[in-house]
Protein backbone atom coordinates (compact mmCIF):
# COMPACT_ATOMS: atom_id res chain seq x y z
CA MET A 1 0.00 0.00 0.00
CA ASN A 2 3.05 2.31 0.11
CA LYS A 3 2.51 3.70 -3.42
CA ILE A 4 -1.20 4.10 -2.76
CA ASN A 5 -0.69 5.98 0.50
CA TYR A 6 2.04 8.12 -1.03
CA ILE A 7 -0.18 9.20 -3.94
CA VAL A 8 -3.13 9.93 -1.64
CA GLU A 9 -0.97 12.14 0.56
CA TRP A 10 0.55 13.82 -2.50
CA ILE A 11 -2.89 14.74 -3.86
CA LYS A 12 -4.05 16.05 -0.51
CA LYS A 13 -0.89 18.08 0.14
CA TYR A 14 -0.97 19.68 -3.28
CA ALA A 15 -4.63 20.63 -2.91
CA VAL A 16 -4.27 21.99 0.63
CA ASP A 17 -1.05 23.87 -0.15
CA ASN A 18 -2.85 25.58 -3.03
CA ASN A 19 -6.06 26.28 -1.08
CA PHE A 20 -8.30 23.75 -2.84
CA SER A 21 -10.73 21.52 -0.99
CA ASN A 22 -12.52 20.09 -4.05
CA LEU A 23 -11.29 17.57 -6.62
CA VAL A 24 -13.04 17.08 -9.97
CA ILE A 25 -12.51 13.94 -12.03
CA GLY A 26 -14.05 12.22 -15.04
CA ILE A 27 -15.09 8.57 -14.72
CA SER A 28 -14.73 6.70 -18.02
CA GLY A 29 -15.46 3.16 -16.89
CA GLY A 30 -11.80 2.24 -17.30
CA ILE A 31 -9.18 1.18 -14.79
CA ASP A 32 -7.20 4.45 -14.72
CA SER A 33 -10.10 6.70 -13.78
CA ALA A 34 -11.42 4.07 -11.35
CA LEU A 35 -8.12 3.98 -9.48
CA THR A 36 -7.53 7.73 -9.56
CA SER A 37 -11.02 8.61 -8.35
CA THR A 38 -10.67 6.13 -5.49
CA LEU A 39 -7.35 7.68 -4.49
CA CYS A 40 -9.01 11.11 -4.60
CA CYS A 41 -11.78 9.93 -2.28
CA MET A 42 -9.19 8.54 0.13
CA THR A 43 -7.85 12.10 0.64
CA GLU A 44 -11.11 12.96 2.48
CA LEU A 45 -11.37 16.11 0.35
CA ASN A 46 -14.61 16.76 -1.54
CA VAL A 47 -14.66 14.76 -4.77
CA HIS A 48 -16.91 15.51 -7.75
CA ALA A 49 -17.02 12.46 -10.05
CA LEU A 50 -18.45 12.97 -13.54
CA ASN A 51 -19.72 10.29 -15.89
CA MET A 52 -19.89 12.04 -19.29
CA PRO A 53 -21.23 9.71 -22.02
CA ILE A 54 -21.05 10.83 -25.64
CA HIS A 55 -22.73 8.12 -27.68
CA SER A 56 -20.65 5.81 -25.50
CA ALA A 57 -20.64 2.05 -25.73
CA ASP A 58 -23.15 0.58 -23.30
CA LYS A 59 -20.44 -1.38 -21.50
CA ASN A 60 -18.32 1.72 -20.87
CA THR A 61 -21.30 3.67 -19.54
CA GLN A 62 -22.36 0.76 -17.34
CA ASN A 63 -18.86 0.32 -15.93
CA SER A 64 -18.71 4.03 -15.19
CA ARG A 65 -22.05 3.87 -13.36
CA THR A 66 -20.93 0.75 -11.49
CA HIS A 67 -17.80 2.48 -10.26
CA CYS A 68 -19.66 5.68 -9.35
CA ASN A 69 -22.15 3.64 -7.30
CA TRP A 70 -19.24 1.84 -5.63
CA LEU A 71 -17.66 5.19 -4.72
CA GLU A 72 -20.92 6.49 -3.27
CA ASN A 73 -21.36 3.38 -1.15
CA LYS A 74 -17.78 3.43 0.09
CA PHE A 75 -17.11 7.14 0.68
CA ASP A 76 -19.08 10.01 2.22
CA ASN A 77 -17.08 12.75 0.49
CA VAL A 78 -18.03 12.06 -3.14
CA THR A 79 -20.75 13.60 -5.29
CA VAL A 80 -21.57 11.83 -8.56
CA TYR A 81 -22.96 13.49 -11.69
CA GLU A 82 -24.01 11.96 -14.99
CA ILE A 83 -23.84 14.59 -17.71
CA ASP A 84 -24.74 13.28 -21.16
CA LEU A 85 -22.85 15.35 -23.72
CA SER A 86 -24.20 13.54 -26.79
CA GLN A 87 -26.40 16.42 -27.95
CA VAL A 88 -23.62 18.95 -27.33
CA TYR A 89 -21.28 16.82 -29.43
CA ASP A 90 -23.89 16.36 -32.18
CA GLY A 91 -24.38 20.12 -32.37
CA PHE A 92 -20.63 20.69 -32.57
CA LYS A 93 -20.20 18.00 -35.22
CA ASN A 94 -23.02 19.45 -37.31
CA THR A 95 -21.53 22.95 -37.04
CA MET A 96 -18.13 21.64 -38.14
CA SER A 97 -19.46 19.46 -40.98
CA ASN A 98 -17.25 21.27 -43.51
CA PHE A 99 -14.20 20.07 -41.59
CA GLU A 100 -14.83 16.34 -41.56
CA ASN A 101 -12.10 14.27 -39.91
CA GLU A 102 -12.79 11.10 -37.95
CA LEU A 103 -9.85 11.41 -35.57
CA GLY A 104 -10.51 15.10 -35.07
CA PHE A 105 -14.11 14.44 -34.03
CA ALA A 106 -13.00 11.63 -31.70
CA ASN A 107 -10.56 14.02 -30.03
CA SER A 108 -13.30 16.64 -29.82
CA LYS A 109 -15.20 14.28 -27.51
CA ALA A 110 -12.28 14.34 -25.10
CA ARG A 111 -12.05 18.13 -25.33
CA LEU A 112 -15.77 18.54 -24.62
CA ARG A 113 -15.29 16.41 -21.51
CA MET A 114 -12.32 18.53 -20.46
CA THR A 115 -14.40 21.70 -20.89
CA THR A 116 -17.14 20.16 -18.76
CA LEU A 117 -14.71 19.20 -16.00
CA TYR A 118 -13.32 22.72 -15.86
CA GLN A 119 -16.80 24.26 -15.78
CA VAL A 120 -17.65 22.11 -12.77
CA ALA A 121 -14.26 22.84 -11.22
CA SER A 122 -14.85 26.58 -11.62
CA SER A 123 -18.22 26.31 -9.89
CA VAL A 124 -16.73 24.61 -6.81
CA ASN A 125 -13.23 26.13 -6.87
CA GLY A 126 -11.78 22.69 -7.55
CA LEU A 127 -8.79 21.00 -9.16
CA VAL A 128 -9.24 18.89 -12.30
CA VAL A 129 -7.52 15.58 -11.67
CA GLY A 130 -5.94 13.69 -14.56
CA THR A 131 -6.12 9.93 -15.02
CA GLY A 132 -3.25 9.27 -17.45
CA ASN A 133 -0.69 6.60 -16.63
CA LYS A 134 3.04 6.54 -17.40
CA VAL A 135 2.75 4.62 -20.66
CA GLU A 136 0.10 6.94 -22.08
CA ASP A 137 1.55 10.22 -20.83
CA PHE A 138 5.27 9.68 -21.34
CA GLY A 139 5.66 6.55 -23.44
CA VAL A 140 3.49 6.81 -26.53
CA GLY A 141 1.51 10.02 -25.94
CA PHE A 142 -1.78 8.12 -26.13
CA TYR A 143 -4.14 10.88 -25.09
CA THR A 144 -5.87 13.92 -26.55
CA LYS A 145 -3.94 17.16 -26.38
CA TYR A 146 -6.10 19.63 -24.41
CA GLY A 147 -8.59 16.81 -23.89
CA ASP A 148 -7.84 14.18 -21.28
CA GLY A 149 -4.35 15.74 -21.30
CA GLY A 150 -5.82 19.03 -20.05
CA VAL A 151 -5.67 18.69 -16.27
CA ASP A 152 -4.31 20.39 -13.15
CA ILE A 153 -2.60 17.40 -11.53
CA SER A 154 -1.63 13.88 -12.66
CA PRO A 155 -1.48 11.54 -9.66
CA ILE A 156 -0.83 8.25 -11.49
CA ALA A 157 1.37 9.52 -14.32
CA ASP A 158 4.38 7.75 -12.81
CA LEU A 159 2.63 4.36 -12.63
CA TYR A 160 2.94 1.84 -15.44
CA LYS A 161 -0.34 0.29 -16.55
CA THR A 162 0.55 -2.97 -14.82
CA GLU A 163 1.10 -1.01 -11.59
CA VAL A 164 -2.30 0.63 -12.03
CA TYR A 165 -3.91 -2.81 -12.09
CA LYS A 166 -2.01 -3.93 -9.00
CA CYS A 167 -3.09 -0.86 -7.04
CA ALA A 168 -6.70 -1.25 -8.23
CA GLU A 169 -6.72 -4.88 -7.11
CA GLN A 170 -5.47 -3.87 -3.66
CA LEU A 171 -8.33 -1.38 -3.39
CA ASP A 172 -10.96 -3.93 -4.49
CA ILE A 173 -11.98 -2.06 -7.63
CA HIS A 174 -14.94 -3.84 -9.26
CA GLU A 175 -13.91 -6.92 -11.26
CA ASP A 176 -15.87 -5.80 -14.35
CA ILE A 177 -13.52 -2.82 -14.59
CA LEU A 178 -10.43 -4.88 -13.80
CA ASN A 179 -11.34 -7.35 -16.55
CA ALA A 180 -12.44 -4.86 -19.20
CA PRO A 181 -10.08 -4.42 -22.20
CA PRO A 182 -8.48 -0.94 -21.96
CA THR A 183 -10.13 1.58 -24.28
CA ASP A 184 -10.11 5.36 -24.61
CA GLY A 185 -13.89 5.34 -25.15
CA LEU A 186 -13.75 7.81 -28.05
CA TRP A 187 -15.03 5.45 -30.74
CA GLU A 188 -18.45 3.90 -31.28
CA ASP A 189 -17.08 0.58 -32.59
CA ASN A 190 -15.63 -0.56 -29.23
CA ARG A 191 -12.03 -0.51 -30.48
CA THR A 192 -9.54 -1.15 -27.70
CA ASP A 193 -6.26 0.59 -26.90
CA GLN A 194 -4.36 -2.39 -28.31
CA ASP A 195 -6.42 -2.21 -31.51
CA GLN A 196 -5.24 1.37 -31.94
CA LEU A 197 -1.67 1.01 -30.74
CA GLY A 198 -0.84 -2.41 -32.09
CA LEU A 199 0.97 -3.47 -28.91
CA SER A 200 -0.18 -4.49 -25.44
CA TYR A 201 0.62 -2.32 -22.44
CA GLU A 202 2.97 -5.01 -21.14
CA ILE A 203 5.05 -4.84 -24.31
CA LEU A 204 4.92 -1.04 -24.36
CA GLU A 205 6.36 -1.03 -20.84
CA GLN A 206 9.15 -3.34 -21.96
CA CYS A 207 9.89 -0.93 -24.80
CA MET A 208 10.05 2.03 -22.42
CA GLU A 209 12.67 0.14 -20.40
CA ASN A 210 14.55 -1.01 -23.53
CA LYS A 211 13.79 -4.66 -22.73
CA ALA A 212 11.67 -5.47 -25.78
CA SER A 213 12.58 -7.20 -29.01
CA ASP A 214 13.94 -5.14 -31.87
CA GLU A 215 10.67 -5.62 -33.76
CA HIS A 216 8.55 -4.35 -30.88
CA GLN A 217 10.97 -1.50 -30.21
CA LYS A 218 10.63 -0.41 -33.82
CA ILE A 219 6.81 -0.40 -33.57
CA TYR A 220 7.01 1.50 -30.27
CA ASN A 221 9.23 4.19 -31.79
CA LYS A 222 6.86 4.48 -34.75
CA ILE A 223 3.93 5.08 -32.37
CA ARG A 224 5.86 7.49 -30.16
CA LYS A 225 7.43 9.75 -32.78
CA PRO A 226 4.28 11.48 -34.12
CA ASN A 227 3.06 12.05 -30.54
CA LEU A 228 6.19 13.70 -29.18
CA HIS A 229 4.56 17.12 -29.60
CA LYS A 230 2.24 16.13 -26.73
CA ILE A 231 5.03 14.92 -24.47
CA ILE A 232 7.60 17.69 -24.82
CA PRO A 233 6.92 21.29 -23.64
CA ILE A 234 5.23 23.63 -26.11
CA PRO A 235 7.93 25.29 -28.27
CA ILE A 236 8.51 28.94 -27.52
CA CYS A 237 10.02 31.40 -29.95
CA ARG A 238 12.47 33.10 -27.59
CA LEU A 239 13.66 36.56 -28.65
CA THR A 240 16.40 36.93 -26.06
């Protein structure tokens, strides 16, 4: 439990030191948001957990509701909201019909969720808590820039995906979430993270530690290279 307790104390200290008593987090139905929201609740600060479906797969929405119910039953300091953004997204997509791009619209779902989290955070003077893990945030850049990458703090960004599962198991996260194939939830065809990346998280972790085969390392580098703009700081044109 050392990593778990350390992260809980880190979240709480950062919030208190910066005069925040509210944490705002999106619940996707996946393992990362399930673990992070549980850690947030363990701080005893006020937690606002948002389920934000956008034409989401039934299984993702159900897993999100299952976890939100679990949080409510386990903790007294959490408030759960379900905010369906499907109509907001449809209106945006219709307005932008002259700029059709499948990936762009998928990323727009993540950015609408980010905007929603910050609106709620503004209303309660809260911090938006990120749910990205080490592989996504620093390995292959598997997140939406200014979407799920737009957060105030990232408590589990130094945990590999396998470590996320171990921590979640220790905290008795619901087995449906533990057993669900990882997915970013941005597509309506239920494609998984591995479908999109081409490698499992276990192999991606091996690549990050230079322990993978040459073939896998080559695939990893091919995935990582076009996403480096997310990982490195925004370039600044310095005049002096």
